[in-house]
Amino acid sequence: MGWLWAIIVGFVLGLIAKAIIPGKQHSPLWLTTIFGIIGAVIGNAVARGLGVAETSGIDWWRHAFQLVAAIIVVFLGDMAYSSVRGRKQRA
């Protein structure tokens, strides 16, 4: 069940990150989901490192760190994907 939640959270974070980033992103939906999962993992690590991973109630800080990390990962990942994809099309 943990993998299912990771995929769902990654999907949602990836879509939110794509909506926040200005311009058009060219990475496919499956790759955006993977970027979202990576962002969630990084955000959890940052929250744990700062001591705000587990709080009573909703973990707003943890979610904020996950979203910021997902935005960064989706942005950088899409740039890398576009760069690699562009090279393959020119060849």
C-alpha atoms as a PDB file:
ATOM      1  CA  MET A   1       0.000   0.000   0.000  1.00  0.00           C
ATOM      2  CA  GLY A   2       2.964   2.320   0.567  1.00  0.00           C
ATOM      3  CA  TRP A   3       3.899   2.242  -3.123  1.00  0.00           C
ATOM      4  CA  LEU A   4       0.368   3.116  -4.149  1.00  0.00           C
ATOM      5  CA  TRP A   5       0.375   6.182  -1.901  1.00  0.00           C
ATOM      6  CA  ALA A   6       3.816   7.185  -3.209  1.00  0.00           C
ATOM      7  CA  ILE A   7       2.506   7.058  -6.779  1.00  0.00           C
ATOM      8  CA  ILE A   8      -0.655   9.009  -5.898  1.00  0.00           C
ATOM      9  CA  VAL A   9       1.249  11.685  -3.961  1.00  0.00           C
ATOM     10  CA  GLY A  10       3.901  11.903  -6.695  1.00  0.00           C
ATOM     11  CA  PHE A  11       1.219  12.275  -9.352  1.00  0.00           C
ATOM     12  CA  VAL A  12      -0.552  15.059  -7.462  1.00  0.00           C
ATOM     13  CA  LEU A  13       2.663  16.895  -6.535  1.00  0.00           C
ATOM     14  CA  GLY A  14       3.941  16.619 -10.099  1.00  0.00           C
ATOM     15  CA  LEU A  15       0.734  18.063 -11.530  1.00  0.00           C
ATOM     16  CA  ILE A  16       0.674  20.914  -9.010  1.00  0.00           C
ATOM     17  CA  ALA A  17       4.342  21.663  -9.741  1.00  0.00           C
ATOM     18  CA  LYS A  18       3.634  21.695 -13.497  1.00  0.00           C
ATOM     19  CA  ALA A  19       0.760  24.111 -12.914  1.00  0.00           C
ATOM     20  CA  ILE A  20       2.939  26.463 -10.860  1.00  0.00           C
ATOM     21  CA  ILE A  21       5.948  26.507 -13.199  1.00  0.00           C
ATOM     22  CA  PRO A  22       5.450  29.132 -15.905  1.00  0.00           C
ATOM     23  CA  GLY A  23       5.557  28.050 -19.534  1.00  0.00           C
ATOM     24  CA  LYS A  24       4.968  24.665 -21.065  1.00  0.00           C
ATOM     25  CA  GLN A  25       6.663  21.548 -19.755  1.00  0.00           C
ATOM     26  CA  HIS A  26       7.343  18.779 -22.233  1.00  0.00           C
ATOM     27  CA  SER A  27       7.919  15.789 -19.962  1.00  0.00           C
ATOM     28  CA  PRO A  28       5.294  13.019 -20.186  1.00  0.00           C
ATOM     29  CA  LEU A  29       2.875  12.327 -17.361  1.00  0.00           C
ATOM     30  CA  TRP A  30       4.677   9.186 -16.174  1.00  0.00           C
ATOM     31  CA  LEU A  31       7.933  11.139 -15.847  1.00  0.00           C
ATOM     32  CA  THR A  32       6.176  13.994 -14.063  1.00  0.00           C
ATOM     33  CA  THR A  33       4.849  11.430 -11.568  1.00  0.00           C
ATOM     34  CA  ILE A  34       8.375  10.126 -10.959  1.00  0.00           C
ATOM     35  CA  PHE A  35       9.626  13.695 -10.495  1.00  0.00           C
ATOM     36  CA  GLY A  36       6.803  14.253  -7.990  1.00  0.00           C
ATOM     37  CA  ILE A  37       7.779  11.112  -6.055  1.00  0.00           C
ATOM     38  CA  ILE A  38      11.401  12.284  -5.934  1.00  0.00           C
ATOM     39  CA  GLY A  39      10.256  15.718  -4.750  1.00  0.00           C
ATOM     40  CA  ALA A  40       8.149  14.128  -1.998  1.00  0.00           C
ATOM     41  CA  VAL A  41      11.111  12.069  -0.792  1.00  0.00           C
ATOM     42  CA  ILE A  42      13.410  15.113  -0.785  1.00  0.00           C
ATOM     43  CA  GLY A  43      10.767  17.225   0.969  1.00  0.00           C
ATOM     44  CA  ASN A  44      10.309  14.565   3.644  1.00  0.00           C
ATOM     45  CA  ALA A  45      14.076  14.436   4.205  1.00  0.00           C
ATOM     46  CA  VAL A  46      14.288  18.212   4.561  1.00  0.00           C
ATOM     47  CA  ALA A  47      11.318  18.260   6.968  1.00  0.00           C
ATOM     48  CA  ARG A  48      12.850  15.444   9.012  1.00  0.00           C
ATOM     49  CA  GLY A  49      16.190  17.271   9.086  1.00  0.00           C
ATOM     50  CA  LEU A  50      14.511  20.431  10.376  1.00  0.00           C
ATOM     51  CA  GLY A  51      12.453  18.511  12.934  1.00  0.00           C
ATOM     52  CA  VAL A  52       9.019  19.251  11.474  1.00  0.00           C
ATOM     53  CA  ALA A  53       8.257  15.898   9.844  1.00  0.00           C
ATOM     54  CA  GLU A  54       5.905  14.703  12.581  1.00  0.00           C
ATOM     55  CA  THR A  55       3.526  17.181  14.172  1.00  0.00           C
ATOM     56  CA  SER A  56       0.127  16.877  15.751  1.00  0.00           C
ATOM     57  CA  GLY A  57      -2.571  17.367  13.150  1.00  0.00           C
ATOM     58  CA  ILE A  58      -1.791  18.055   9.509  1.00  0.00           C
ATOM     59  CA  ASP A  59       1.901  18.317   8.654  1.00  0.00           C
ATOM     60  CA  TRP A  60       1.665  21.593   6.729  1.00  0.00           C
ATOM     61  CA  TRP A  61       5.404  22.278   6.844  1.00  0.00           C
ATOM     62  CA  ARG A  62       6.224  18.812   5.519  1.00  0.00           C
ATOM     63  CA  HIS A  63       3.747  19.280   2.672  1.00  0.00           C
ATOM     64  CA  ALA A  64       5.202  22.710   1.873  1.00  0.00           C
ATOM     65  CA  PHE A  65       8.718  21.258   1.707  1.00  0.00           C
ATOM     66  CA  GLN A  66       7.456  18.432  -0.523  1.00  0.00           C
ATOM     67  CA  LEU A  67       5.805  20.897  -2.897  1.00  0.00           C
ATOM     68  CA  VAL A  68       8.849  23.174  -3.121  1.00  0.00           C
ATOM     69  CA  ALA A  69      11.114  20.180  -3.745  1.00  0.00           C
ATOM     70  CA  ALA A  70       8.695  18.839  -6.382  1.00  0.00           C
ATOM     71  CA  ILE A  71       8.647  22.211  -8.161  1.00  0.00           C
ATOM     72  CA  ILE A  72      12.450  22.247  -8.286  1.00  0.00           C
ATOM     73  CA  VAL A  73      12.718  18.607  -9.404  1.00  0.00           C
ATOM     74  CA  VAL A  74      10.001  18.964 -12.078  1.00  0.00           C
ATOM     75  CA  PHE A  75      11.620  22.146 -13.389  1.00  0.00           C
ATOM     76  CA  LEU A  76      15.129  20.669 -13.570  1.00  0.00           C
ATOM     77  CA  GLY A  77      13.900  17.292 -14.773  1.00  0.00           C
ATOM     78  CA  ASP A  78      11.855  18.852 -17.551  1.00  0.00           C
ATOM     79  CA  MET A  79      14.858  20.904 -18.658  1.00  0.00           C
ATOM     80  CA  ALA A  80      16.967  17.733 -18.783  1.00  0.00           C
ATOM     81  CA  TYR A  81      14.218  15.816 -20.602  1.00  0.00           C
ATOM     82  CA  SER A  82      13.803  18.580 -23.185  1.00  0.00           C
ATOM     83  CA  SER A  83      17.562  18.746 -23.690  1.00  0.00           C
ATOM     84  CA  VAL A  84      17.909  14.997 -24.251  1.00  0.00           C
ATOM     85  CA  ARG A  85      14.772  14.808 -26.366  1.00  0.00           C
ATOM     86  CA  GLY A  86      15.905  17.758 -28.475  1.00  0.00           C
ATOM     87  CA  ARG A  87      19.265  16.105 -29.159  1.00  0.00           C
ATOM     88  CA  LYS A  88      17.605  12.874 -30.278  1.00  0.00           C
ATOM     89  CA  GLN A  89      15.308  14.705 -32.707  1.00  0.00           C
ATOM     90  CA  ARG A  90      18.182  16.612 -34.349  1.00  0.00           C
ATOM     91  CA  ALA A  91      20.288  13.482 -34.918  1.00  0.00           C
END
